[in-house]
Amino acid sequence: MSNPNDPAQFPPPTFEEAPPYASEHEAESRTAHMRARADDLQREFQARAAHLQDQMGDVDEQVRTFVREHPFAAIGAAVATGYVLGRIFSRFR
């Protein structure tokens, strides 16, 4: 029976060189396509980041409004959150 831990049974993989492009024009074309795609992804990411930033601004304003209108409830929520987190983290000592 063969040993499953024997490294001789699993030779290291060999990698062939990537096939060359058919022409320099094809390589330039692929490069241009990849740059265009990267630019598209960058614009999409920036748009999503701006949208998230707007949403966070809205949430921030809602929280500030709630705290101004209900200061005791906000303090109670902060105390309760601190208590729960304290109980959770005290168990890790």
PDB file of N, CA and C in Angstrom:
ATOM      1  N   MET A   1       0.838  -1.171   0.000  1.00  0.00           N
ATOM      2  CA  MET A   1       0.000   0.000   0.000  1.00  0.00           C
ATOM      3  C   MET A   1       0.889   1.243   0.000  1.00  0.00           C
ATOM      4  N   SER A   2       0.446   2.298  -0.663  1.00  0.00           N
ATOM      5  CA  SER A   2       1.258   3.510  -0.750  1.00  0.00           C
ATOM      6  C   SER A   2       0.954   4.434   0.419  1.00  0.00           C
ATOM      7  N   ASN A   3       1.963   5.219   0.758  1.00  0.00           N
ATOM      8  CA  ASN A   3       1.841   6.159   1.864  1.00  0.00           C
ATOM      9  C   ASN A   3       1.236   7.460   1.331  1.00  0.00           C
ATOM     10  N   PRO A   4       0.070   7.919   1.846  1.00  0.00           N
ATOM     11  CA  PRO A   4      -0.541   9.149   1.326  1.00  0.00           C
ATOM     12  C   PRO A   4       0.261  10.399   1.656  1.00  0.00           C
ATOM     13  N   ASN A   5       1.201  10.301   2.605  1.00  0.00           N
ATOM     14  CA  ASN A   5       2.020  11.456   2.973  1.00  0.00           C
ATOM     15  C   ASN A   5       3.346  11.498   2.224  1.00  0.00           C
ATOM     16  N   ASP A   6       3.567  10.569   1.325  1.00  0.00           N
ATOM     17  CA  ASP A   6       4.814  10.507   0.572  1.00  0.00           C
ATOM     18  C   ASP A   6       4.840  11.632  -0.465  1.00  0.00           C
ATOM     19  N   PRO A   7       5.795  12.583  -0.346  1.00  0.00           N
ATOM     20  CA  PRO A   7       5.827  13.702  -1.296  1.00  0.00           C
ATOM     21  C   PRO A   7       6.169  13.274  -2.712  1.00  0.00           C
ATOM     22  N   ALA A   8       6.751  12.102  -2.881  1.00  0.00           N
ATOM     23  CA  ALA A   8       7.083  11.637  -4.232  1.00  0.00           C
ATOM     24  C   ALA A   8       5.829  11.348  -5.039  1.00  0.00           C
ATOM     25  N   GLN A   9       4.723  11.088  -4.364  1.00  0.00           N
ATOM     26  CA  GLN A   9       3.470  10.816  -5.074  1.00  0.00           C
ATOM     27  C   GLN A   9       2.865  12.089  -5.671  1.00  0.00           C
ATOM     28  N   PHE A  10       3.251  13.223  -5.147  1.00  0.00           N
ATOM     29  CA  PHE A  10       2.684  14.482  -5.590  1.00  0.00           C
ATOM     30  C   PHE A  10       3.796  15.413  -6.061  1.00  0.00           C
ATOM     31  N   PRO A  11       4.266  15.228  -7.283  1.00  0.00           N
ATOM     32  CA  PRO A  11       5.357  16.083  -7.768  1.00  0.00           C
ATOM     33  C   PRO A  11       4.882  17.525  -7.882  1.00  0.00           C
ATOM     34  N   PRO A  12       5.806  18.464  -7.753  1.00  0.00           N
ATOM     35  CA  PRO A  12       5.401  19.873  -7.858  1.00  0.00           C
ATOM     36  C   PRO A  12       4.858  20.162  -9.252  1.00  0.00           C
ATOM     37  N   PRO A  13       3.873  21.038  -9.321  1.00  0.00           N
ATOM     38  CA  PRO A  13       3.304  21.357 -10.638  1.00  0.00           C
ATOM     39  C   PRO A  13       4.329  22.087 -11.506  1.00  0.00           C
ATOM     40  N   THR A  14       4.210  21.865 -12.780  1.00  0.00           N
ATOM     41  CA  THR A  14       5.065  22.582 -13.724  1.00  0.00           C
ATOM     42  C   THR A  14       4.203  23.577 -14.471  1.00  0.00           C
ATOM     43  N   PHE A  15       4.758  24.718 -14.744  1.00  0.00           N
ATOM     44  CA  PHE A  15       4.016  25.764 -15.422  1.00  0.00           C
ATOM     45  C   PHE A  15       4.694  26.063 -16.746  1.00  0.00           C
ATOM     46  N   GLU A  16       3.900  26.017 -17.770  1.00  0.00           N
ATOM     47  CA  GLU A  16       4.431  26.366 -19.082  1.00  0.00           C
ATOM     48  C   GLU A  16       4.368  27.873 -19.234  1.00  0.00           C
ATOM     49  N   GLU A  17       5.194  28.395 -20.087  1.00  0.00           N
ATOM     50  CA  GLU A  17       5.145  29.825 -20.347  1.00  0.00           C
ATOM     51  C   GLU A  17       3.819  30.163 -20.998  1.00  0.00           C
ATOM     52  N   ALA A  18       3.324  31.341 -20.678  1.00  0.00           N
ATOM     53  CA  ALA A  18       2.087  31.785 -21.299  1.00  0.00           C
ATOM     54  C   ALA A  18       2.314  31.938 -22.787  1.00  0.00           C
ATOM     55  N   PRO A  19       1.351  31.546 -23.597  1.00  0.00           N
ATOM     56  CA  PRO A  19       1.553  31.667 -25.043  1.00  0.00           C
ATOM     57  C   PRO A  19       1.703  33.125 -25.441  1.00  0.00           C
ATOM     58  N   PRO A  20       2.613  33.421 -26.326  1.00  0.00           N
ATOM     59  CA  PRO A  20       2.796  34.811 -26.741  1.00  0.00           C
ATOM     60  C   PRO A  20       1.583  35.296 -27.528  1.00  0.00           C
ATOM     61  N   TYR A  21       1.386  36.597 -27.484  1.00  0.00           N
ATOM     62  CA  TYR A  21       0.295  37.164 -28.262  1.00  0.00           C
ATOM     63  C   TYR A  21       0.603  37.007 -29.743  1.00  0.00           C
ATOM     64  N   ALA A  22      -0.432  36.957 -30.544  1.00  0.00           N
ATOM     65  CA  ALA A  22      -0.246  36.767 -31.977  1.00  0.00           C
ATOM     66  C   ALA A  22       0.517  37.936 -32.582  1.00  0.00           C
ATOM     67  N   SER A  23       0.303  39.101 -32.028  1.00  0.00           N
ATOM     68  CA  SER A  23       1.009  40.254 -32.574  1.00  0.00           C
ATOM     69  C   SER A  23       1.111  41.331 -31.494  1.00  0.00           C
ATOM     70  N   GLU A  24       1.948  42.292 -31.755  1.00  0.00           N
ATOM     71  CA  GLU A  24       2.084  43.416 -30.820  1.00  0.00           C
ATOM     72  C   GLU A  24       0.781  44.210 -30.778  1.00  0.00           C
ATOM     73  N   HIS A  25       0.087  44.283 -31.902  1.00  0.00           N
ATOM     74  CA  HIS A  25      -1.190  44.997 -31.977  1.00  0.00           C
ATOM     75  C   HIS A  25      -2.209  44.339 -31.045  1.00  0.00           C
ATOM     76  N   GLU A  26      -2.239  43.011 -31.032  1.00  0.00           N
ATOM     77  CA  GLU A  26      -3.189  42.306 -30.166  1.00  0.00           C
ATOM     78  C   GLU A  26      -2.868  42.586 -28.693  1.00  0.00           C
ATOM     79  N   ALA A  27      -1.598  42.605 -28.340  1.00  0.00           N
ATOM     80  CA  ALA A  27      -1.207  42.900 -26.966  1.00  0.00           C
ATOM     81  C   ALA A  27      -1.622  44.315 -26.588  1.00  0.00           C
ATOM     82  N   GLU A  28      -1.388  45.276 -27.480  1.00  0.00           N
ATOM     83  CA  GLU A  28      -1.795  46.657 -27.208  1.00  0.00           C
ATOM     84  C   GLU A  28      -3.296  46.774 -27.092  1.00  0.00           C
ATOM     85  N   SER A  29      -4.015  46.035 -27.924  1.00  0.00           N
ATOM     86  CA  SER A  29      -5.478  46.062 -27.887  1.00  0.00           C
ATOM     87  C   SER A  29      -5.993  45.521 -26.549  1.00  0.00           C
ATOM     88  N   ARG A  30      -5.414  44.419 -26.093  1.00  0.00           N
ATOM     89  CA  ARG A  30      -5.835  43.857 -24.809  1.00  0.00           C
ATOM     90  C   ARG A  30      -5.489  44.798 -23.658  1.00  0.00           C
ATOM     91  N   THR A  31      -4.331  45.419 -23.737  1.00  0.00           N
ATOM     92  CA  THR A  31      -3.928  46.369 -22.706  1.00  0.00           C
ATOM     93  C   THR A  31      -4.889  47.547 -22.652  1.00  0.00           C
ATOM     94  N   ALA A  32      -5.246  48.072 -23.811  1.00  0.00           N
ATOM     95  CA  ALA A  32      -6.190  49.194 -23.870  1.00  0.00           C
ATOM     96  C   ALA A  32      -7.539  48.786 -23.302  1.00  0.00           C
ATOM     97  N   HIS A  33      -7.975  47.577 -23.645  1.00  0.00           N
ATOM     98  CA  HIS A  33      -9.260  47.088 -23.133  1.00  0.00           C
ATOM     99  C   HIS A  33      -9.214  46.966 -21.605  1.00  0.00           C
ATOM    100  N   MET A  34      -8.115  46.447 -21.070  1.00  0.00           N
ATOM    101  CA  MET A  34      -7.995  46.282 -19.623  1.00  0.00           C
ATOM    102  C   MET A  34      -7.945  47.640 -18.925  1.00  0.00           C
ATOM    103  N   ARG A  35      -7.272  48.618 -19.534  1.00  0.00           N
ATOM    104  CA  ARG A  35      -7.239  49.965 -18.940  1.00  0.00           C
ATOM    105  C   ARG A  35      -8.621  50.597 -18.947  1.00  0.00           C
ATOM    106  N   ALA A  36      -9.345  50.404 -20.038  1.00  0.00           N
ATOM    107  CA  ALA A  36     -10.699  50.962 -20.116  1.00  0.00           C
ATOM    108  C   ALA A  36     -11.593  50.328 -19.060  1.00  0.00           C
ATOM    109  N   ARG A  37     -11.459  49.025 -18.878  1.00  0.00           N
ATOM    110  CA  ARG A  37     -12.265  48.332 -17.868  1.00  0.00           C
ATOM    111  C   ARG A  37     -11.901  48.821 -16.464  1.00  0.00           C
ATOM    112  N   ALA A  38     -10.605  49.004 -16.213  1.00  0.00           N
ATOM    113  CA  ALA A  38     -10.163  49.515 -14.911  1.00  0.00           C
ATOM    114  C   ALA A  38     -10.711  50.920 -14.669  1.00  0.00           C
ATOM    115  N   ASP A  39     -10.718  51.751 -15.704  1.00  0.00           N
ATOM    116  CA  ASP A  39     -11.281  53.098 -15.566  1.00  0.00           C
ATOM    117  C   ASP A  39     -12.771  53.038 -15.254  1.00  0.00           C
ATOM    118  N   ASP A  40     -13.493  52.126 -15.935  1.00  0.00           N
ATOM    119  CA  ASP A  40     -14.925  51.964 -15.671  1.00  0.00           C
ATOM    120  C   ASP A  40     -15.167  51.532 -14.225  1.00  0.00           C
ATOM    121  N   LEU A  41     -14.366  50.575 -13.763  1.00  0.00           N
ATOM    122  CA  LEU A  41     -14.522  50.106 -12.384  1.00  0.00           C
ATOM    123  C   LEU A  41     -14.202  51.207 -11.382  1.00  0.00           C
ATOM    124  N   GLN A  42     -13.204  52.024 -11.694  1.00  0.00           N
ATOM    125  CA  GLN A  42     -12.849  53.127 -10.800  1.00  0.00           C
ATOM    126  C   GLN A  42     -13.996  54.126 -10.706  1.00  0.00           C
ATOM    127  N   ARG A  43     -14.593  54.473 -11.844  1.00  0.00           N
ATOM    128  CA  ARG A  43     -15.728  55.409 -11.827  1.00  0.00           C
ATOM    129  C   ARG A  43     -16.910  54.818 -11.058  1.00  0.00           C
ATOM    130  N   GLU A  44     -17.170  53.531 -11.258  1.00  0.00           N
ATOM    131  CA  GLU A  44     -18.273  52.884 -10.553  1.00  0.00           C
ATOM    132  C   GLU A  44     -18.014  52.881  -9.044  1.00  0.00           C
ATOM    133  N   PHE A  45     -16.782  52.576  -8.645  1.00  0.00           N
ATOM    134  CA  PHE A  45     -16.429  52.576  -7.228  1.00  0.00           C
ATOM    135  C   PHE A  45     -16.583  53.959  -6.635  1.00  0.00           C
ATOM    136  N   GLN A  46     -16.131  54.988  -7.350  1.00  0.00           N
ATOM    137  CA  GLN A  46     -16.248  56.353  -6.844  1.00  0.00           C
ATOM    138  C   GLN A  46     -17.706  56.761  -6.692  1.00  0.00           C
ATOM    139  N   ALA A  47     -18.550  56.348  -7.638  1.00  0.00           N
ATOM    140  CA  ALA A  47     -19.978  56.674  -7.539  1.00  0.00           C
ATOM    141  C   ALA A  47     -20.604  55.987  -6.330  1.00  0.00           C
ATOM    142  N   ARG A  48     -20.249  54.717  -6.123  1.00  0.00           N
ATOM    143  CA  ARG A  48     -20.800  53.993  -4.968  1.00  0.00           C
ATOM    144  C   ARG A  48     -20.297  54.599  -3.657  1.00  0.00           C
ATOM    145  N   ALA A  49     -19.031  54.982  -3.626  1.00  0.00           N
ATOM    146  CA  ALA A  49     -18.468  55.586  -2.419  1.00  0.00           C
ATOM    147  C   ALA A  49     -19.171  56.910  -2.110  1.00  0.00           C
ATOM    148  N   ALA A  50     -19.431  57.704  -3.137  1.00  0.00           N
ATOM    149  CA  ALA A  50     -20.129  58.971  -2.930  1.00  0.00           C
ATOM    150  C   ALA A  50     -21.546  58.725  -2.409  1.00  0.00           C
ATOM    151  N   HIS A  51     -22.206  57.710  -2.954  1.00  0.00           N
ATOM    152  CA  HIS A  51     -23.558  57.372  -2.510  1.00  0.00           C
ATOM    153  C   HIS A  51     -23.547  56.938  -1.040  1.00  0.00           C
ATOM    154  N   LEU A  52     -22.588  56.092  -0.668  1.00  0.00           N
ATOM    155  CA  LEU A  52     -22.491  55.652   0.729  1.00  0.00           C
ATOM    156  C   LEU A  52     -22.178  56.817   1.658  1.00  0.00           C
ATOM    157  N   GLN A  53     -21.349  57.731   1.187  1.00  0.00           N
ATOM    158  CA  GLN A  53     -21.016  58.899   2.003  1.00  0.00           C
ATOM    159  C   GLN A  53     -22.269  59.751   2.235  1.00  0.00           C
ATOM    160  N   ASP A  54     -23.092  59.903   1.207  1.00  0.00           N
ATOM    161  CA  ASP A  54     -24.350  60.637   1.365  1.00  0.00           C
ATOM    162  C   ASP A  54     -25.265  59.939   2.371  1.00  0.00           C
ATOM    163  N   GLN A  55     -25.346  58.609   2.268  1.00  0.00           N
ATOM    164  CA  GLN A  55     -26.188  57.860   3.202  1.00  0.00           C
ATOM    165  C   GLN A  55     -25.682  58.007   4.636  1.00  0.00           C
ATOM    166  N   MET A  56     -24.372  57.946   4.825  1.00  0.00           N
ATOM    167  CA  MET A  56     -23.818  58.089   6.164  1.00  0.00           C
ATOM    168  C   MET A  56     -24.099  59.482   6.721  1.00  0.00           C
ATOM    169  N   GLY A  57     -24.072  60.488   5.863  1.00  0.00           N
ATOM    170  CA  GLY A  57     -24.415  61.836   6.299  1.00  0.00           C
ATOM    171  C   GLY A  57     -25.853  61.907   6.761  1.00  0.00           C
ATOM    172  N   ASP A  58     -26.752  61.202   6.046  1.00  0.00           N
ATOM    173  CA  ASP A  58     -28.160  61.161   6.440  1.00  0.00           C
ATOM    174  C   ASP A  58     -28.343  60.465   7.787  1.00  0.00           C
ATOM    175  N   VAL A  59     -27.644  59.348   7.971  1.00  0.00           N
ATOM    176  CA  VAL A  59     -27.739  58.608   9.236  1.00  0.00           C
ATOM    177  C   VAL A  59     -27.194  59.470  10.373  1.00  0.00           C
ATOM    178  N   ASP A  60     -26.089  60.149  10.129  1.00  0.00           N
ATOM    179  CA  ASP A  60     -25.499  61.015  11.151  1.00  0.00           C
ATOM    180  C   ASP A  60     -26.493  62.093  11.570  1.00  0.00           C
ATOM    181  N   GLU A  61     -27.145  62.692  10.610  1.00  0.00           N
ATOM    182  CA  GLU A  61     -28.120  63.738  10.921  1.00  0.00           C
ATOM    183  C   GLU A  61     -29.313  63.176  11.692  1.00  0.00           C
ATOM    184  N   GLN A  62     -29.764  61.980  11.344  1.00  0.00           N
ATOM    185  CA  GLN A  62     -30.871  61.351  12.060  1.00  0.00           C
ATOM    186  C   GLN A  62     -30.499  61.063  13.513  1.00  0.00           C
ATOM    187  N   VAL A  63     -29.291  60.574  13.723  1.00  0.00           N
ATOM    188  CA  VAL A  63     -28.843  60.277  15.089  1.00  0.00           C
ATOM    189  C   VAL A  63     -28.753  61.563  15.895  1.00  0.00           C
ATOM    190  N   ARG A  64     -28.165  62.594  15.302  1.00  0.00           N
ATOM    191  CA  ARG A  64     -28.044  63.871  16.024  1.00  0.00           C
ATOM    192  C   ARG A  64     -29.423  64.436  16.384  1.00  0.00           C
ATOM    193  N   THR A  65     -30.354  64.337  15.460  1.00  0.00           N
ATOM    194  CA  THR A  65     -31.711  64.818  15.722  1.00  0.00           C
ATOM    195  C   THR A  65     -32.357  64.029  16.854  1.00  0.00           C
ATOM    196  N   PHE A  66     -32.204  62.708  16.820  1.00  0.00           N
ATOM    197  CA  PHE A  66     -32.785  61.869  17.875  1.00  0.00           C
ATOM    198  C   PHE A  66     -32.203  62.231  19.236  1.00  0.00           C
ATOM    199  N   VAL A  67     -30.889  62.420  19.308  1.00  0.00           N
ATOM    200  CA  VAL A  67     -30.239  62.741  20.581  1.00  0.00           C
ATOM    201  C   VAL A  67     -30.712  64.094  21.097  1.00  0.00           C
ATOM    202  N   ARG A  68     -30.888  65.060  20.199  1.00  0.00           N
ATOM    203  CA  ARG A  68     -31.374  66.386  20.632  1.00  0.00           C
ATOM    204  C   ARG A  68     -32.809  66.305  21.144  1.00  0.00           C
ATOM    205  N   GLU A  69     -33.646  65.488  20.491  1.00  0.00           N
ATOM    206  CA  GLU A  69     -35.052  65.401  20.866  1.00  0.00           C
ATOM    207  C   GLU A  69     -35.282  64.475  22.059  1.00  0.00           C
ATOM    208  N   HIS A  70     -34.425  63.476  22.239  1.00  0.00           N
ATOM    209  CA  HIS A  70     -34.601  62.477  23.301  1.00  0.00           C
ATOM    210  C   HIS A  70     -33.270  62.237  24.022  1.00  0.00           C
ATOM    211  N   PRO A  71     -32.791  63.218  24.777  1.00  0.00           N
ATOM    212  CA  PRO A  71     -31.459  63.062  25.399  1.00  0.00           C
ATOM    213  C   PRO A  71     -31.395  61.937  26.433  1.00  0.00           C
ATOM    214  N   PHE A  72     -32.456  61.743  27.218  1.00  0.00           N
ATOM    215  CA  PHE A  72     -32.413  60.698  28.240  1.00  0.00           C
ATOM    216  C   PHE A  72     -32.464  59.303  27.622  1.00  0.00           C
ATOM    217  N   ALA A  73     -33.218  59.151  26.562  1.00  0.00           N
ATOM    218  CA  ALA A  73     -33.253  57.861  25.871  1.00  0.00           C
ATOM    219  C   ALA A  73     -31.883  57.559  25.257  1.00  0.00           C
ATOM    220  N   ALA A  74     -31.228  58.568  24.727  1.00  0.00           N
ATOM    221  CA  ALA A  74     -29.898  58.378  24.145  1.00  0.00           C
ATOM    222  C   ALA A  74     -28.894  57.980  25.215  1.00  0.00           C
ATOM    223  N   ILE A  75     -28.964  58.627  26.384  1.00  0.00           N
ATOM    224  CA  ILE A  75     -28.060  58.269  27.487  1.00  0.00           C
ATOM    225  C   ILE A  75     -28.351  56.846  27.952  1.00  0.00           C
ATOM    226  N   GLY A  76     -29.623  56.501  28.058  1.00  0.00           N
ATOM    227  CA  GLY A  76     -29.999  55.134  28.468  1.00  0.00           C
ATOM    228  C   GLY A  76     -29.490  54.095  27.480  1.00  0.00           C
ATOM    229  N   ALA A  77     -29.597  54.399  26.201  1.00  0.00           N
ATOM    230  CA  ALA A  77     -29.107  53.461  25.178  1.00  0.00           C
ATOM    231  C   ALA A  77     -27.594  53.314  25.271  1.00  0.00           C
ATOM    232  N   ALA A  78     -26.892  54.420  25.526  1.00  0.00           N
ATOM    233  CA  ALA A  78     -25.433  54.361  25.652  1.00  0.00           C
ATOM    234  C   ALA A  78     -25.028  53.546  26.880  1.00  0.00           C
ATOM    235  N   VAL A  79     -25.725  53.733  27.980  1.00  0.00           N
ATOM    236  CA  VAL A  79     -25.418  52.979  29.198  1.00  0.00           C
ATOM    237  C   VAL A  79     -25.691  51.484  28.974  1.00  0.00           C
ATOM    238  N   ALA A  80     -26.824  51.170  28.366  1.00  0.00           N
ATOM    239  CA  ALA A  80     -27.161  49.763  28.114  1.00  0.00           C
ATOM    240  C   ALA A  80     -26.143  49.116  27.175  1.00  0.00           C
ATOM    241  N   THR A  81     -25.739  49.841  26.160  1.00  0.00           N
ATOM    242  CA  THR A  81     -24.741  49.316  25.229  1.00  0.00           C
ATOM    243  C   THR A  81     -23.417  49.087  25.940  1.00  0.00           C
ATOM    244  N   GLY A  82     -23.004  50.029  26.760  1.00  0.00           N
ATOM    245  CA  GLY A  82     -21.768  49.876  27.525  1.00  0.00           C
ATOM    246  C   GLY A  82     -21.820  48.693  28.462  1.00  0.00           C
ATOM    247  N   TYR A  83     -22.973  48.496  29.107  1.00  0.00           N
ATOM    248  CA  TYR A  83     -23.131  47.364  30.023  1.00  0.00           C
ATOM    249  C   TYR A  83     -23.000  46.037  29.282  1.00  0.00           C
ATOM    250  N   VAL A  84     -23.712  45.934  28.172  1.00  0.00           N
ATOM    251  CA  VAL A  84     -23.676  44.682  27.391  1.00  0.00           C
ATOM    252  C   VAL A  84     -22.261  44.413  26.878  1.00  0.00           C
ATOM    253  N   LEU A  85     -21.610  45.420  26.321  1.00  0.00           N
ATOM    254  CA  LEU A  85     -20.242  45.232  25.824  1.00  0.00           C
ATOM    255  C   LEU A  85     -19.284  44.890  26.963  1.00  0.00           C
ATOM    256  N   GLY A  86     -19.474  45.519  28.114  1.00  0.00           N
ATOM    257  CA  GLY A  86     -18.644  45.198  29.274  1.00  0.00           C
ATOM    258  C   GLY A  86     -18.802  43.756  29.699  1.00  0.00           C
ATOM    259  N   ARG A  87     -20.034  43.262  29.698  1.00  0.00           N
ATOM    260  CA  ARG A  87     -20.283  41.860  30.063  1.00  0.00           C
ATOM    261  C   ARG A  87     -19.653  40.912  29.040  1.00  0.00           C
ATOM    262  N   ILE A  88     -19.766  41.251  27.801  1.00  0.00           N
ATOM    263  CA  ILE A  88     -19.202  40.397  26.747  1.00  0.00           C
ATOM    264  C   ILE A  88     -17.675  40.345  26.860  1.00  0.00           C
ATOM    265  N   PHE A  89     -17.044  41.489  26.976  1.00  0.00           N
ATOM    266  CA  PHE A  89     -15.591  41.537  26.978  1.00  0.00           C
ATOM    267  C   PHE A  89     -14.980  41.098  28.296  1.00  0.00           C
ATOM    268  N   SER A  90     -15.734  41.142  29.392  1.00  0.00           N
ATOM    269  CA  SER A  90     -15.191  40.695  30.674  1.00  0.00           C
ATOM    270  C   SER A  90     -15.048  39.176  30.695  1.00  0.00           C
ATOM    271  N   ARG A  91     -15.740  38.488  29.845  1.00  0.00           N
ATOM    272  CA  ARG A  91     -15.653  37.023  29.785  1.00  0.00           C
ATOM    273  C   ARG A  91     -14.380  36.553  29.101  1.00  0.00           C
ATOM    274  N   PHE A  92     -13.703  37.432  28.370  1.00  0.00           N
ATOM    275  CA  PHE A  92     -12.511  37.054  27.637  1.00  0.00           C
ATOM    276  C   PHE A  92     -11.239  37.185  28.464  1.00  0.00           C
ATOM    277  N   ARG A  93     -11.358  37.607  29.692  1.00  0.00           N
ATOM    278  CA  ARG A  93     -10.147  37.748  30.524  1.00  0.00           C
ATOM    279  C   ARG A  93      -9.716  36.461  31.099  1.00  0.00           C
TER     280      ARG A  93
END
